């Protein structure tokens, strides 16, 4: 049954109930709502909380909207809430630098940045500054290593931490870092949530393991740099995760530095292309 038929049925049933309740009750009104500031499930929960149990609500995932059937007064309350929360989130530009911990030369392996908001990636040599542009509260993916030299350690860790309860035979796998910046209130503080991830292919299909229990949260000021090496949480895990590999199979520790900066909703003040990089001289 499609949404149009459901809506007609809801209106008929709701109107019939109102008719029995008496003339003092307002007639049912059908309105649809969408928001750039929140995902569909959060919007659904918000509208249900405002509308109350007497309203009928239908989630239209295809059109990314929520249809509400309620009286006019309820819709006025919803409109007031939507006005307050409907503004799109501001963007955060995260400047990321990855380099060898003991050598700042440009020799060595290569890294790739795959921003969540773009369907492109940029390859560069070790020791590069790159830019990740995402909306506050959303996440982007940074590729730390093209390969994982100590994969057996992660398999053991995943089994004991219950991140993985099955045997994974990777055809190819790399190490990634999921970065989720969130502007706190109106700033200037920004919360960074960092989650280590292994991504690759298993049996010819994309596969991902996120080590949520090894996630780290840190609060910094707008424009303040934070080094993963300076964080106290999960040091043992990160010492295995932040490892690069030379073409000759020689491994070395990596140093990752992140600097978040608030930018306008339209991206003003940020680099025009997420994934922009600057070679460090």
Protein backbone atom coordinates (compact mmCIF):
# COMPACT_ATOMS: atom_id res chain seq x y z
CA UNK A 1 0.00 0.00 0.00
CA UNK A 2 1.53 3.34 -1.04
CA UNK A 3 1.77 6.51 1.01
CA UNK A 4 -1.10 8.24 -0.81
CA UNK A 5 -3.54 5.44 0.05
CA UNK A 6 -2.32 5.34 3.66
CA UNK A 7 -2.78 9.09 3.97
CA UNK A 8 -6.36 8.91 2.64
CA UNK A 9 -7.21 6.14 5.09
CA UNK A 10 -5.66 8.03 7.99
CA UNK A 11 -7.61 11.18 7.11
CA UNK A 12 -10.86 9.24 6.84
CA UNK A 13 -10.39 7.44 10.15
CA UNK A 14 -9.12 10.54 11.95
CA UNK A 15 -11.96 12.70 10.62
CA UNK A 16 -14.53 10.10 11.65
CA UNK A 17 -13.14 10.13 15.16
CA UNK A 18 -13.26 13.90 15.28
CA UNK A 19 -16.84 13.91 14.11
CA UNK A 20 -17.86 11.65 16.97
CA UNK A 21 -15.94 13.81 19.44
CA UNK A 22 -18.09 16.85 18.69
CA UNK A 23 -17.96 20.14 16.89
CA UNK A 24 -15.49 21.69 19.37
CA UNK A 25 -12.61 19.67 17.98
CA UNK A 26 -10.68 21.03 14.99
CA UNK A 27 -10.75 19.16 11.69
CA UNK A 28 -7.77 17.04 10.66
CA UNK A 29 -5.06 18.77 8.65
CA UNK A 30 -2.42 16.94 6.59
CA UNK A 31 1.06 18.49 6.40
CA UNK A 32 4.45 17.09 5.41
CA UNK A 33 7.75 18.11 7.04
CA UNK A 34 11.41 17.72 6.13
CA UNK A 35 14.58 19.10 7.65
CA UNK A 36 18.16 19.62 6.52
CA UNK A 37 19.27 19.83 10.14
CA UNK A 38 18.32 16.31 11.24
CA UNK A 39 17.96 12.85 9.74
CA UNK A 40 14.58 11.29 9.06
CA UNK A 41 14.42 9.13 12.20
CA UNK A 42 15.26 12.07 14.48
CA UNK A 43 12.67 14.21 12.69
CA UNK A 44 10.08 11.46 13.20
CA UNK A 45 10.85 11.26 16.93
CA UNK A 46 10.73 15.05 17.28
CA UNK A 47 7.37 15.38 15.56
CA UNK A 48 5.85 12.54 17.59
CA UNK A 49 6.98 14.22 20.80
CA UNK A 50 5.44 17.55 19.75
CA UNK A 51 2.25 16.19 18.17
CA UNK A 52 1.33 13.77 20.94
CA UNK A 53 -0.48 10.46 20.81
CA UNK A 54 -3.62 11.84 19.15
CA UNK A 55 -1.80 12.66 15.89
CA UNK A 56 -1.18 10.18 13.10
CA UNK A 57 2.30 10.19 11.57
CA UNK A 58 3.60 8.48 8.42
CA UNK A 59 7.31 8.36 7.48
CA UNK A 60 7.90 8.74 3.74
CA UNK A 61 11.50 7.59 3.27
CA UNK A 62 11.43 7.86 -0.50
CA UNK A 63 10.68 11.61 -0.36
CA UNK A 64 12.63 12.06 2.89
CA UNK A 65 9.72 13.60 4.75
CA UNK A 66 7.28 12.94 7.58
CA UNK A 67 3.54 13.33 7.01
CA UNK A 68 1.53 14.46 10.03
CA UNK A 69 -2.26 14.30 10.32
CA UNK A 70 -3.39 16.43 13.24
CA UNK A 71 -5.46 19.48 14.17
CA UNK A 72 -4.41 23.01 13.24
CA UNK A 73 -3.14 23.86 16.72
CA UNK A 74 -0.76 20.89 16.67
CA UNK A 75 0.59 21.99 13.30
CA UNK A 76 1.19 25.48 14.69
CA UNK A 77 3.28 23.97 17.49
CA UNK A 78 5.21 21.86 14.97
CA UNK A 79 5.83 24.91 12.77
CA UNK A 80 7.31 26.78 15.75
CA UNK A 81 9.64 23.88 16.56
CA UNK A 82 10.69 23.46 12.92
CA UNK A 83 11.53 27.16 12.73
CA UNK A 84 13.90 26.78 15.68
CA UNK A 85 15.54 23.55 14.53
CA UNK A 86 15.25 23.80 10.77
CA UNK A 87 18.48 25.69 10.13
CA UNK A 88 21.09 23.47 8.44
CA UNK A 89 24.15 22.60 10.55
CA UNK A 90 27.30 24.59 10.02
CA UNK A 91 30.27 22.93 8.38
CA UNK A 92 33.54 21.99 10.01
CA UNK A 93 36.79 21.89 8.09
CA UNK A 94 39.22 19.39 9.59
CA UNK A 95 42.83 19.81 8.54
CA UNK A 96 44.62 16.48 8.86
CA UNK A 97 48.35 15.82 8.77
CA UNK A 98 49.82 12.31 8.68
CA UNK A 99 53.57 11.72 8.75
CA UNK A 100 56.19 9.36 10.01
CA UNK A 101 56.63 9.82 13.73
CA UNK A 102 60.43 9.87 13.52
CA UNK A 103 60.98 11.26 10.03
CA UNK A 104 59.36 14.31 8.43
CA UNK A 105 60.76 13.61 4.95
CA UNK A 106 58.46 13.01 2.02
CA UNK A 107 59.71 9.50 1.34
CA UNK A 108 57.69 6.47 2.23
CA UNK A 109 54.19 5.18 1.69
CA UNK A 110 51.15 7.06 0.45
CA UNK A 111 47.86 7.91 2.08
CA UNK A 112 44.38 8.65 0.76
CA UNK A 113 41.62 10.88 2.00
CA UNK A 114 38.04 9.88 1.21
CA UNK A 115 35.72 12.63 2.49
CA UNK A 116 32.17 11.47 3.28
CA UNK A 117 30.65 14.44 1.44
CA UNK A 118 32.50 13.83 -1.84
CA UNK A 119 32.73 10.86 -4.17
CA UNK A 120 36.40 11.38 -4.86
CA UNK A 121 39.72 10.72 -3.19
CA UNK A 122 43.16 12.28 -3.36
CA UNK A 123 46.44 10.41 -3.22
CA UNK A 124 49.63 12.02 -2.01
CA UNK A 125 53.00 11.07 -0.55
CA UNK A 126 53.65 10.75 3.17
CA UNK A 127 53.79 13.96 5.20
CA UNK A 128 50.90 15.86 3.67
CA UNK A 129 48.25 18.24 4.97
CA UNK A 130 44.75 17.44 3.72
CA UNK A 131 41.31 18.94 4.22
CA UNK A 132 38.11 17.16 5.20
CA UNK A 133 34.88 19.19 5.00
CA UNK A 134 31.79 17.77 6.74
CA UNK A 135 28.66 19.10 8.41
CA UNK A 136 28.69 19.39 12.19
CA UNK A 137 27.45 16.11 13.65
CA UNK A 138 28.27 14.14 10.50
CA UNK A 139 31.34 12.04 9.84
CA UNK A 140 34.05 11.69 7.20
CA UNK A 141 36.51 8.88 6.54
CA UNK A 142 40.28 9.32 6.51
CA UNK A 143 42.47 6.55 5.15
CA UNK A 144 45.47 6.08 7.43
CA UNK A 145 47.17 3.12 5.77
CA UNK A 146 46.77 1.31 2.47
CA UNK A 147 47.54 -1.98 4.19
CA UNK A 148 47.47 -3.34 7.74
CA UNK A 149 50.86 -4.86 8.64
CA UNK A 150 49.74 -6.39 11.97
CA UNK A 151 46.34 -7.74 10.93
CA UNK A 152 46.58 -10.77 13.25
CA UNK A 153 46.69 -8.47 16.28
CA UNK A 154 43.43 -6.77 15.24
CA UNK A 155 41.77 -10.12 14.62
CA UNK A 156 42.66 -11.18 18.17
CA UNK A 157 41.58 -7.81 19.60
CA UNK A 158 38.27 -7.91 17.72
CA UNK A 159 37.55 -11.41 18.97
CA UNK A 160 38.28 -10.63 22.63
CA UNK A 161 36.49 -7.26 22.56
CA UNK A 162 33.54 -8.83 20.70
CA UNK A 163 33.82 -6.33 17.89
CA UNK A 164 33.96 -9.38 15.61
CA UNK A 165 32.41 -12.75 16.39
CA UNK A 166 33.22 -14.41 13.08
CA UNK A 167 36.29 -15.26 11.02
CA UNK A 168 37.19 -12.57 8.49
CA UNK A 169 39.34 -13.48 5.49
CA UNK A 170 40.32 -10.19 3.88
CA UNK A 171 41.18 -10.01 0.19
CA UNK A 172 42.42 -6.50 0.79
CA UNK A 173 42.22 -4.26 3.85
CA UNK A 174 43.34 -0.81 4.93
CA UNK A 175 43.20 1.22 8.12
CA UNK A 176 40.84 4.20 8.34
CA UNK A 177 39.80 6.77 10.89
CA UNK A 178 36.20 7.98 11.08
CA UNK A 179 36.18 11.63 12.14
CA UNK A 180 32.97 13.20 13.46
CA UNK A 181 33.24 16.87 14.46
CA UNK A 182 30.39 18.52 16.38
CA UNK A 183 30.21 22.21 17.24
CA UNK A 184 29.17 22.54 20.90
CA UNK A 185 26.35 25.07 21.31
CA UNK A 186 27.50 28.11 19.32
CA UNK A 187 31.22 27.39 19.75
CA UNK A 188 34.06 27.98 19.95
CA UNK A 189 34.50 24.44 21.28
CA UNK A 190 34.33 21.47 18.91
CA UNK A 191 33.99 17.85 19.96
CA UNK A 192 35.87 15.33 17.84
CA UNK A 193 34.83 11.68 17.92
CA UNK A 194 37.48 9.44 16.39
CA UNK A 195 36.75 5.80 15.57
CA UNK A 196 39.34 3.36 14.15
CA UNK A 197 38.03 1.33 11.22
CA UNK A 198 39.29 -1.50 9.03
CA UNK A 199 37.80 -1.44 5.54
CA UNK A 200 38.39 -3.57 2.50
CA UNK A 201 36.94 -6.48 0.56
CA UNK A 202 35.79 -9.89 1.76
CA UNK A 203 34.61 -12.46 -0.80
CA UNK A 204 34.59 -9.71 -3.41
CA UNK A 205 32.28 -7.41 -1.45
CA UNK A 206 33.01 -4.25 0.57
CA UNK A 207 33.41 -4.97 4.26
CA UNK A 208 34.02 -2.81 7.33
CA UNK A 209 34.83 -3.37 10.98
CA UNK A 210 34.52 -0.34 13.27
CA UNK A 211 36.24 -0.63 16.64
CA UNK A 212 33.68 1.45 18.53
CA UNK A 213 35.07 0.43 21.93
CA UNK A 214 38.37 2.05 20.92
CA UNK A 215 36.70 5.34 19.95
CA UNK A 216 38.10 8.51 21.45
CA UNK A 217 36.38 11.82 22.15
CA UNK A 218 38.30 15.04 22.63
CA UNK A 219 37.07 18.63 22.96
CA UNK A 220 39.20 21.38 21.44
CA UNK A 221 38.77 25.04 20.59
CA UNK A 222 38.13 26.21 17.06
CA UNK A 223 41.50 26.09 15.26
CA UNK A 224 43.28 24.11 17.99
CA UNK A 225 45.47 21.21 16.82
CA UNK A 226 45.29 17.84 18.56
CA UNK A 227 47.75 14.98 18.08
CA UNK A 228 46.51 11.42 18.51
CA UNK A 229 49.82 10.59 20.18
CA UNK A 230 48.95 12.99 23.02
CA UNK A 231 45.68 11.25 23.91
CA UNK A 232 45.67 8.95 26.94
CA UNK A 233 42.79 6.69 25.87
CA UNK A 234 43.41 3.37 24.11
CA UNK A 235 47.14 3.91 23.75
CA UNK A 236 47.85 0.21 23.23
CA UNK A 237 45.28 -0.03 20.44
CA UNK A 238 46.44 3.16 18.73
CA UNK A 239 50.09 2.08 18.88
CA UNK A 240 49.13 -0.87 16.67
CA UNK A 241 46.68 1.10 14.54
CA UNK A 242 48.91 4.06 13.65
CA UNK A 243 51.47 2.03 11.72
CA UNK A 244 52.58 2.59 8.14
CA UNK A 245 54.47 0.31 5.78
CA UNK A 246 57.20 1.01 3.27
CA UNK A 247 57.26 -0.72 -0.09
CA UNK A 248 60.04 -2.89 1.28
CA UNK A 249 57.61 -4.08 4.00
CA UNK A 250 59.41 -2.04 6.66
CA UNK A 251 56.92 -0.67 9.20
CA UNK A 252 57.03 2.65 11.06
CA UNK A 253 54.87 4.58 13.49
CA UNK A 254 52.61 7.33 12.14
CA UNK A 255 51.82 10.69 13.66
CA UNK A 256 48.32 12.06 13.06
CA UNK A 257 47.40 15.67 13.80
CA UNK A 258 43.92 17.14 13.36
CA UNK A 259 42.89 20.80 13.41
CA UNK A 260 39.13 21.53 13.19
CA UNK A 261 37.81 24.93 12.10
CA UNK A 262 34.24 26.18 11.88
CA UNK A 263 33.13 27.48 8.51
CA UNK A 264 29.86 28.83 7.10
CA UNK A 265 26.90 26.66 6.18
CA UNK A 266 27.71 27.30 2.53
CA UNK A 267 31.35 26.34 3.07
CA UNK A 268 32.59 29.94 3.03
CA UNK A 269 36.03 30.17 4.50
CA UNK A 270 36.82 26.58 3.61
CA UNK A 271 38.72 25.16 0.71
CA UNK A 272 36.28 24.84 -2.23
CA UNK A 273 37.03 21.14 -2.66
CA UNK A 274 37.00 18.68 0.23
CA UNK A 275 40.05 16.51 -0.19
CA UNK A 276 42.32 19.44 -1.00
CA UNK A 277 45.89 18.79 0.09
CA UNK A 278 49.01 20.81 0.66
CA UNK A 279 52.45 19.24 0.40
CA UNK A 280 54.62 20.10 3.38
CA UNK A 281 58.05 21.33 2.49
